[in-house]
Amino acid sequence: MQYSIGQFSKLINISEYTLRYYENEKLITPDRDNNGRRYYNDSDISWIEFIKRLKDTGMPIKEI
């Protein structure tokens, strides 16, 4: 399934700002449609959950 950034943000309970930050830090690379809009899929959910678990251990973003 494909999710817009707004849908994905609500689904995983992370702000759109944080998702863009993760993209800038090269932690996640969402696909883009023909208009350049980000979209996320189910495999991105697993990856974000993994990032959340690493952050819960105290690991900084720069080390993830």
N, C-alpha and C. Protein backbone atom coordinates (compact mmCIF):
# COMPACT_ATOMS: atom_id res chain seq x y z
N MET A 1 0.84 -1.18 0.00
CA MET A 1 0.00 0.00 0.00
C MET A 1 0.88 1.24 0.00
N GLN A 2 0.42 2.31 -0.61
CA GLN A 2 1.16 3.56 -0.67
C GLN A 2 0.49 4.60 0.22
N TYR A 3 1.33 5.37 0.93
CA TYR A 3 0.84 6.39 1.84
C TYR A 3 1.50 7.73 1.51
N SER A 4 0.71 8.78 1.56
CA SER A 4 1.28 10.12 1.44
C SER A 4 2.03 10.42 2.74
N ILE A 5 2.80 11.47 2.76
CA ILE A 5 3.56 11.80 3.97
C ILE A 5 2.62 12.08 5.15
N GLY A 6 1.48 12.71 4.88
CA GLY A 6 0.51 12.97 5.95
C GLY A 6 -0.10 11.70 6.50
N GLN A 7 -0.49 10.81 5.61
CA GLN A 7 -1.07 9.52 6.03
C GLN A 7 -0.04 8.71 6.82
N PHE A 8 1.18 8.68 6.30
CA PHE A 8 2.24 7.90 6.92
C PHE A 8 2.59 8.45 8.30
N SER A 9 2.63 9.76 8.39
CA SER A 9 2.92 10.42 9.65
C SER A 9 1.92 10.02 10.73
N LYS A 10 0.66 10.02 10.39
CA LYS A 10 -0.39 9.63 11.34
C LYS A 10 -0.31 8.15 11.67
N LEU A 11 -0.02 7.33 10.68
CA LEU A 11 0.03 5.89 10.86
C LEU A 11 1.13 5.49 11.84
N ILE A 12 2.30 6.11 11.74
CA ILE A 12 3.43 5.72 12.58
C ILE A 12 3.64 6.66 13.76
N ASN A 13 2.82 7.69 13.85
CA ASN A 13 2.88 8.64 14.96
C ASN A 13 4.23 9.38 15.04
N ILE A 14 4.67 9.85 13.89
CA ILE A 14 5.86 10.69 13.79
C ILE A 14 5.48 11.87 12.91
N SER A 15 5.95 13.04 13.27
CA SER A 15 5.58 14.24 12.52
C SER A 15 6.15 14.23 11.10
N GLU A 16 5.50 14.96 10.24
CA GLU A 16 5.99 15.11 8.87
C GLU A 16 7.38 15.75 8.89
N TYR A 17 7.58 16.70 9.78
CA TYR A 17 8.89 17.35 9.92
C TYR A 17 9.97 16.30 10.22
N THR A 18 9.68 15.39 11.15
CA THR A 18 10.66 14.36 11.52
C THR A 18 10.94 13.44 10.34
N LEU A 19 9.91 13.09 9.58
CA LEU A 19 10.12 12.25 8.40
C LEU A 19 11.04 12.94 7.40
N ARG A 20 10.84 14.23 7.20
CA ARG A 20 11.71 14.97 6.28
C ARG A 20 13.13 15.03 6.82
N TYR A 21 13.26 15.19 8.14
CA TYR A 21 14.59 15.20 8.78
C TYR A 21 15.28 13.86 8.56
N TYR A 22 14.56 12.76 8.78
CA TYR A 22 15.14 11.43 8.55
C TYR A 22 15.57 11.28 7.10
N GLU A 23 14.81 11.83 6.19
CA GLU A 23 15.19 11.77 4.78
C GLU A 23 16.47 12.56 4.54
N ASN A 24 16.56 13.74 5.13
CA ASN A 24 17.77 14.57 4.98
C ASN A 24 18.99 13.88 5.57
N GLU A 25 18.79 13.10 6.62
CA GLU A 25 19.89 12.38 7.27
C GLU A 25 20.16 11.04 6.59
N LYS A 26 19.45 10.76 5.51
CA LYS A 26 19.62 9.53 4.72
C LYS A 26 19.22 8.27 5.48
N LEU A 27 18.31 8.40 6.44
CA LEU A 27 17.83 7.22 7.17
C LEU A 27 16.70 6.53 6.43
N ILE A 28 15.98 7.29 5.63
CA ILE A 28 14.86 6.74 4.87
C ILE A 28 14.81 7.44 3.53
N THR A 29 14.46 6.70 2.51
CA THR A 29 14.36 7.27 1.17
C THR A 29 13.01 6.92 0.58
N PRO A 30 12.04 7.80 0.79
CA PRO A 30 10.71 7.50 0.23
C PRO A 30 10.72 7.57 -1.29
N ASP A 31 9.84 6.81 -1.88
CA ASP A 31 9.67 6.89 -3.33
C ASP A 31 8.97 8.20 -3.66
N ARG A 32 9.00 8.56 -4.91
CA ARG A 32 8.33 9.80 -5.36
C ARG A 32 7.44 9.47 -6.54
N ASP A 33 6.31 10.18 -6.61
CA ASP A 33 5.43 10.00 -7.76
C ASP A 33 5.88 10.92 -8.89
N ASN A 34 5.14 10.95 -9.98
CA ASN A 34 5.53 11.76 -11.15
C ASN A 34 5.59 13.24 -10.85
N ASN A 35 4.87 13.68 -9.82
CA ASN A 35 4.87 15.10 -9.44
C ASN A 35 5.91 15.41 -8.38
N GLY A 36 6.71 14.41 -7.98
CA GLY A 36 7.75 14.62 -6.99
C GLY A 36 7.28 14.49 -5.55
N ARG A 37 6.03 14.11 -5.35
CA ARG A 37 5.51 13.94 -3.99
C ARG A 37 6.01 12.64 -3.40
N ARG A 38 6.39 12.72 -2.13
CA ARG A 38 6.85 11.52 -1.43
C ARG A 38 5.68 10.56 -1.23
N TYR A 39 6.00 9.27 -1.28
CA TYR A 39 5.05 8.28 -0.81
C TYR A 39 5.80 7.14 -0.16
N TYR A 40 5.17 6.58 0.81
CA TYR A 40 5.77 5.54 1.64
C TYR A 40 4.98 4.26 1.46
N ASN A 41 5.62 3.14 1.78
CA ASN A 41 4.94 1.85 1.66
C ASN A 41 5.10 1.05 2.95
N ASP A 42 4.57 -0.16 2.97
CA ASP A 42 4.58 -0.96 4.19
C ASP A 42 5.99 -1.31 4.68
N SER A 43 6.94 -1.47 3.79
CA SER A 43 8.30 -1.77 4.24
C SER A 43 8.92 -0.58 4.97
N ASP A 44 8.48 0.63 4.65
CA ASP A 44 8.96 1.81 5.36
C ASP A 44 8.49 1.80 6.82
N ILE A 45 7.32 1.21 7.07
CA ILE A 45 6.82 1.12 8.44
C ILE A 45 7.79 0.31 9.29
N SER A 46 8.23 -0.82 8.79
CA SER A 46 9.18 -1.66 9.53
C SER A 46 10.48 -0.92 9.81
N TRP A 47 10.96 -0.21 8.82
CA TRP A 47 12.21 0.52 8.98
C TRP A 47 12.08 1.63 10.02
N ILE A 48 11.00 2.36 9.99
CA ILE A 48 10.77 3.43 10.97
C ILE A 48 10.65 2.84 12.38
N GLU A 49 9.96 1.72 12.51
CA GLU A 49 9.85 1.08 13.83
C GLU A 49 11.23 0.67 14.34
N PHE A 50 12.10 0.21 13.46
CA PHE A 50 13.47 -0.14 13.84
C PHE A 50 14.23 1.11 14.30
N ILE A 51 14.09 2.20 13.58
CA ILE A 51 14.74 3.46 13.96
C ILE A 51 14.24 3.91 15.33
N LYS A 52 12.94 3.79 15.57
CA LYS A 52 12.37 4.15 16.87
C LYS A 52 13.01 3.32 17.99
N ARG A 53 13.17 2.02 17.76
CA ARG A 53 13.77 1.15 18.79
C ARG A 53 15.22 1.56 19.06
N LEU A 54 15.96 1.89 18.02
CA LEU A 54 17.34 2.34 18.22
C LEU A 54 17.38 3.64 19.01
N LYS A 55 16.48 4.55 18.69
CA LYS A 55 16.42 5.81 19.44
C LYS A 55 16.06 5.57 20.90
N ASP A 56 15.19 4.60 21.15
CA ASP A 56 14.81 4.27 22.53
C ASP A 56 16.00 3.76 23.36
N THR A 57 17.01 3.24 22.70
CA THR A 57 18.21 2.79 23.41
C THR A 57 19.14 3.95 23.72
N GLY A 58 18.81 5.13 23.19
CA GLY A 58 19.65 6.30 23.41
C GLY A 58 20.62 6.58 22.28
N MET A 59 20.56 5.79 21.23
CA MET A 59 21.47 5.98 20.10
C MET A 59 21.10 7.27 19.35
N PRO A 60 22.08 8.14 19.12
CA PRO A 60 21.80 9.37 18.38
C PRO A 60 21.57 9.09 16.90
N ILE A 61 20.82 9.97 16.27
CA ILE A 61 20.51 9.85 14.84
C ILE A 61 21.78 9.73 14.01
N LYS A 62 22.80 10.48 14.35
CA LYS A 62 24.06 10.46 13.57
C LYS A 62 24.69 9.09 13.55
N GLU A 63 24.44 8.27 14.58
CA GLU A 63 25.02 6.92 14.64
C GLU A 63 24.12 5.86 14.00
N ILE A 64 22.84 6.19 13.86
CA ILE A 64 21.93 5.23 13.23
C ILE A 64 22.24 5.21 11.76
